[in-house]
Amino acid sequence: MSVNATLGGVPGFLAVPAGKGPWPTLIVVQEWWGLDAQTESIATRFAAEGYLAFAPDLYRGDLAALGDNQAAMSYVQKHAAHNVPDMVNAFDALKSHPDSTGRVGSVGFCFGGRMSLALGIERPVDAVCTFYGGQMQTLFDRMTTFHSPVLGFFGDEDVSIPSGTIEEFRVLLNKLGVENQVIVYPKSGHAFFRDSDPHAYRPHAAQDSWIVTKTFFKKHLVENK
């Protein structure tokens, strides 16, 4: 079952597993286009795996068309002040939600990948997954309080991530003593997981990363109680 919902004052899309809860819980964070059908489909996929999945609408209804970078950038700037507070409020609401086990992870894509990491700075997230986190390097000097296990995915042809950033990320996580797995897929660029975009989608990378992601969240949200 999927419904529009507001949690912690944050509007979004809530995908609920079949059966009876409580369930381990995930925050699924949009790309910089906004909360679109792609993001909702990913939340629905997680619900089918037994997770209560909430995709917050960080743009409060604004949505850029795929490829409209100018509109996307304007929405990033317009909503920047409340993005992290919204993530925190959604996390707090889900942590105590009656249908949640209290184990909460986050997963985000591009802009959402950065937001997923940003949440880990502010709250003790049980597992953090970032897919090609855009501008994630802007968070590195603030990650001294970051302790969540991390799973990161990148493509070796992603020109949006500055050279050396992925290795810097891996070194930082190791220095912090954070459990981490950072994977770089060959012949893959930005947004390789977006199966609604044939120009960006890379089936092998998308399918493999989905398997690894499910294993990661099962370990930290289901088995480690």
Protein backbone atom coordinates (compact mmCIF):
# COMPACT_ATOMS: atom_id res chain seq x y z
CA MET A 1 0.00 0.00 0.00
CA SER A 2 1.26 3.47 -0.85
CA VAL A 3 -0.16 6.77 0.38
CA ASN A 4 0.68 10.44 0.53
CA ALA A 5 1.59 11.18 4.12
CA THR A 6 3.01 13.88 6.36
CA LEU A 7 5.48 12.75 9.02
CA GLY A 8 7.08 15.16 11.46
CA GLY A 9 5.52 17.98 9.47
CA VAL A 10 7.22 16.75 6.29
CA PRO A 11 5.04 15.81 3.31
CA GLY A 12 5.97 12.78 1.26
CA PHE A 13 5.19 9.36 -0.12
CA LEU A 14 4.81 6.44 2.28
CA ALA A 15 5.09 2.88 0.98
CA VAL A 16 3.79 0.29 3.45
CA PRO A 17 4.63 -3.43 3.26
CA ALA A 18 1.94 -6.06 3.09
CA GLY A 19 0.99 -7.78 6.33
CA LYS A 20 1.33 -6.54 9.86
CA GLY A 21 4.14 -4.38 11.26
CA PRO A 22 6.18 -3.07 12.82
CA TRP A 23 8.82 -3.02 10.10
CA PRO A 24 12.40 -1.78 9.73
CA THR A 25 12.25 1.64 8.17
CA LEU A 26 13.90 3.56 5.35
CA ILE A 27 14.00 7.18 4.26
CA VAL A 28 14.30 7.25 0.46
CA VAL A 29 15.60 10.58 -0.83
CA GLN A 30 14.94 12.10 -4.23
CA GLU A 31 17.35 13.17 -6.94
CA TRP A 32 17.58 16.91 -7.52
CA TRP A 33 14.60 16.85 -9.88
CA GLY A 34 12.26 16.43 -6.91
CA LEU A 35 9.98 13.73 -5.57
CA ASP A 36 9.11 12.04 -8.85
CA ALA A 37 7.68 8.71 -9.95
CA GLN A 38 11.19 7.22 -10.03
CA THR A 39 11.76 7.94 -6.35
CA GLU A 40 8.30 6.66 -5.45
CA SER A 41 8.97 3.46 -7.39
CA ILE A 42 12.15 2.86 -5.37
CA ALA A 43 10.26 3.35 -2.10
CA THR A 44 7.66 0.87 -3.35
CA ARG A 45 10.42 -1.64 -4.16
CA PHE A 46 11.75 -1.36 -0.63
CA ALA A 47 8.26 -1.85 0.79
CA ALA A 48 8.00 -5.06 -1.23
CA GLU A 49 11.16 -6.18 0.61
CA GLY A 50 9.52 -5.59 3.98
CA TYR A 51 10.58 -2.00 4.80
CA LEU A 52 8.34 0.87 5.81
CA ALA A 53 9.66 3.37 3.26
CA PHE A 54 9.10 7.13 3.36
CA ALA A 55 10.20 9.43 0.54
CA PRO A 56 10.10 13.01 1.88
CA ASP A 57 9.11 15.74 -0.54
CA LEU A 58 12.00 18.10 0.13
CA TYR A 59 10.80 20.53 -2.55
CA ARG A 60 7.27 20.81 -1.10
CA GLY A 61 5.55 20.04 -4.40
CA ASP A 62 8.04 21.62 -6.79
CA LEU A 63 9.20 19.20 -9.46
CA ALA A 64 11.60 19.72 -12.35
CA ALA A 65 11.26 17.79 -15.57
CA LEU A 66 14.01 15.26 -16.15
CA GLY A 67 16.88 17.13 -17.81
CA ASP A 68 15.70 20.61 -16.79
CA ASN A 69 18.83 21.49 -14.84
CA GLN A 70 17.93 25.15 -14.53
CA ALA A 71 14.65 24.37 -12.75
CA ALA A 72 16.31 21.73 -10.57
CA MET A 73 19.02 24.16 -9.47
CA SER A 74 16.43 26.81 -8.67
CA TYR A 75 14.56 24.34 -6.45
CA VAL A 76 17.76 23.27 -4.70
CA GLN A 77 18.41 26.90 -3.83
CA LYS A 78 14.80 27.70 -2.98
CA HIS A 79 14.44 24.87 -0.47
CA ALA A 80 18.01 24.60 0.86
CA ALA A 81 17.24 26.08 4.28
CA HIS A 82 14.74 23.41 5.28
CA ASN A 83 16.19 20.30 3.58
CA VAL A 84 18.27 19.00 6.49
CA PRO A 85 15.69 20.00 9.15
CA ASP A 86 13.08 18.12 7.11
CA MET A 87 15.31 15.05 7.01
CA VAL A 88 15.81 15.25 10.78
CA ASN A 89 12.09 15.70 11.45
CA ALA A 90 11.21 12.77 9.20
CA PHE A 91 13.82 10.60 10.93
CA ASP A 92 12.53 11.49 14.39
CA ALA A 93 8.93 10.79 13.37
CA LEU A 94 9.83 7.43 11.82
CA LYS A 95 12.00 6.42 14.78
CA SER A 96 8.94 6.56 17.02
CA HIS A 97 6.32 5.58 14.43
CA PRO A 98 4.04 2.77 15.66
CA ASP A 99 4.65 0.83 12.45
CA SER A 100 8.45 1.13 12.75
CA THR A 101 10.76 -1.17 14.68
CA GLY A 102 12.82 1.90 15.52
CA ARG A 103 15.63 0.81 13.20
CA VAL A 104 15.87 3.55 10.58
CA GLY A 105 18.17 3.77 7.56
CA SER A 106 18.44 6.23 4.71
CA VAL A 107 19.19 5.91 1.02
CA GLY A 108 19.47 8.74 -1.47
CA PHE A 109 20.37 9.41 -5.07
CA CYS A 110 22.53 12.30 -6.35
CA PHE A 111 21.18 15.29 -4.34
CA GLY A 112 19.50 12.71 -2.12
CA GLY A 113 22.78 10.89 -1.68
CA ARG A 114 24.22 14.03 -0.12
CA MET A 115 21.08 14.47 2.03
CA SER A 116 21.41 10.88 3.23
CA LEU A 117 24.93 11.63 4.45
CA ALA A 118 23.81 14.95 5.93
CA LEU A 119 21.22 13.14 8.02
CA GLY A 120 23.95 10.87 9.38
CA ILE A 121 25.76 13.94 10.68
CA GLU A 122 22.68 15.07 12.60
CA ARG A 123 21.20 11.78 13.81
CA PRO A 124 22.38 8.23 14.68
CA VAL A 125 21.06 6.64 11.50
CA ASP A 126 21.34 2.85 11.65
CA ALA A 127 22.59 2.56 8.04
CA VAL A 128 23.34 5.16 5.37
CA CYS A 129 23.44 4.45 1.64
CA THR A 130 24.46 7.05 -0.92
CA PHE A 131 24.19 6.65 -4.67
CA TYR A 132 26.55 9.07 -6.49
CA GLY A 133 26.08 11.78 -3.86
CA GLY A 134 26.25 15.11 -5.61
CA GLN A 135 28.43 17.71 -3.88
CA MET A 136 29.00 15.29 -1.00
CA GLN A 137 32.50 16.73 -0.58
CA THR A 138 30.92 19.86 0.91
CA LEU A 139 30.05 17.74 3.96
CA PHE A 140 33.43 16.16 4.59
CA ASP A 141 34.68 18.73 7.10
CA ARG A 142 31.46 18.31 9.13
CA MET A 143 31.54 14.52 9.41
CA THR A 144 33.50 14.30 12.67
CA THR A 145 30.32 13.18 14.47
CA PHE A 146 29.37 10.67 11.77
CA HIS A 147 29.23 7.06 13.01
CA SER A 148 26.65 5.32 10.80
CA PRO A 149 27.75 2.41 8.61
CA VAL A 150 27.96 3.59 4.99
CA LEU A 151 27.39 2.02 1.62
CA GLY A 152 28.38 4.16 -1.35
CA PHE A 153 27.92 3.60 -5.09
CA PHE A 154 29.57 5.51 -7.91
CA GLY A 155 30.24 5.21 -11.62
CA ASP A 156 33.71 5.56 -13.09
CA GLU A 157 32.36 7.81 -15.85
CA ASP A 158 30.50 10.22 -13.56
CA VAL A 159 31.90 13.62 -14.52
CA SER A 160 29.72 15.41 -11.93
CA ILE A 161 31.91 14.13 -9.09
CA PRO A 162 35.35 15.83 -9.00
CA SER A 163 38.40 13.65 -9.54
CA GLY A 164 39.71 12.19 -6.30
CA THR A 165 36.49 12.77 -4.35
CA ILE A 166 35.54 9.09 -4.09
CA GLU A 167 38.94 8.09 -2.74
CA GLU A 168 38.87 11.05 -0.34
CA PHE A 169 35.48 9.81 0.86
CA ARG A 170 36.80 6.29 1.45
CA VAL A 171 39.87 7.58 3.30
CA LEU A 172 37.72 9.84 5.48
CA LEU A 173 35.35 7.04 6.48
CA ASN A 174 38.27 4.79 7.37
CA LYS A 175 39.89 7.58 9.40
CA LEU A 176 36.62 8.05 11.31
CA GLY A 177 36.46 4.32 11.99
CA VAL A 178 33.15 4.09 10.15
CA GLU A 179 32.21 0.71 8.71
CA ASN A 180 31.98 1.28 4.98
CA GLN A 181 31.79 -0.26 1.54
CA VAL A 182 32.46 2.01 -1.44
CA ILE A 183 31.86 0.53 -4.89
CA VAL A 184 32.74 2.09 -8.24
CA TYR A 185 31.13 0.50 -11.29
CA PRO A 186 32.99 0.45 -14.61
CA LYS A 187 31.43 1.94 -17.73
CA SER A 188 28.82 3.70 -15.61
CA GLY A 189 28.07 7.37 -15.23
CA HIS A 190 25.81 9.49 -13.09
CA ALA A 191 22.30 8.18 -12.29
CA PHE A 192 23.06 4.65 -13.46
CA PHE A 193 20.28 3.35 -11.19
CA ARG A 194 17.55 5.42 -12.90
CA ASP A 195 15.76 2.77 -14.95
CA SER A 196 13.34 5.37 -16.33
CA ASP A 197 16.18 7.09 -18.22
CA PRO A 198 17.69 4.88 -20.94
CA HIS A 199 20.54 7.35 -21.47
CA ALA A 200 21.80 7.01 -17.88
CA TYR A 201 20.62 3.55 -16.88
CA ARG A 202 23.25 0.82 -16.69
CA PRO A 203 21.51 -2.53 -16.05
CA HIS A 204 24.48 -4.39 -14.59
CA ALA A 205 25.43 -1.63 -12.15
CA ALA A 206 21.80 -1.04 -11.17
CA GLN A 207 21.03 -4.69 -10.61
CA ASP A 208 24.21 -5.42 -8.70
CA SER A 209 23.86 -2.33 -6.49
CA TRP A 210 20.27 -3.32 -5.66
CA ILE A 211 21.43 -6.74 -4.44
CA VAL A 212 24.24 -5.20 -2.38
CA THR A 213 21.89 -2.57 -0.95
CA LYS A 214 19.35 -5.16 0.17
CA THR A 215 22.11 -7.14 1.90
CA PHE A 216 23.40 -3.99 3.60
CA PHE A 217 20.05 -2.94 5.00
CA LYS A 218 19.15 -6.47 6.01
CA LYS A 219 22.35 -6.64 8.06
CA HIS A 220 21.93 -3.30 9.81
CA LEU A 221 18.16 -2.86 10.07
CA VAL A 222 16.91 -6.42 10.43
CA GLU A 223 19.66 -8.65 11.84
CA ASN A 224 21.49 -6.14 14.07
CA LYS A 225 18.84 -5.31 16.65
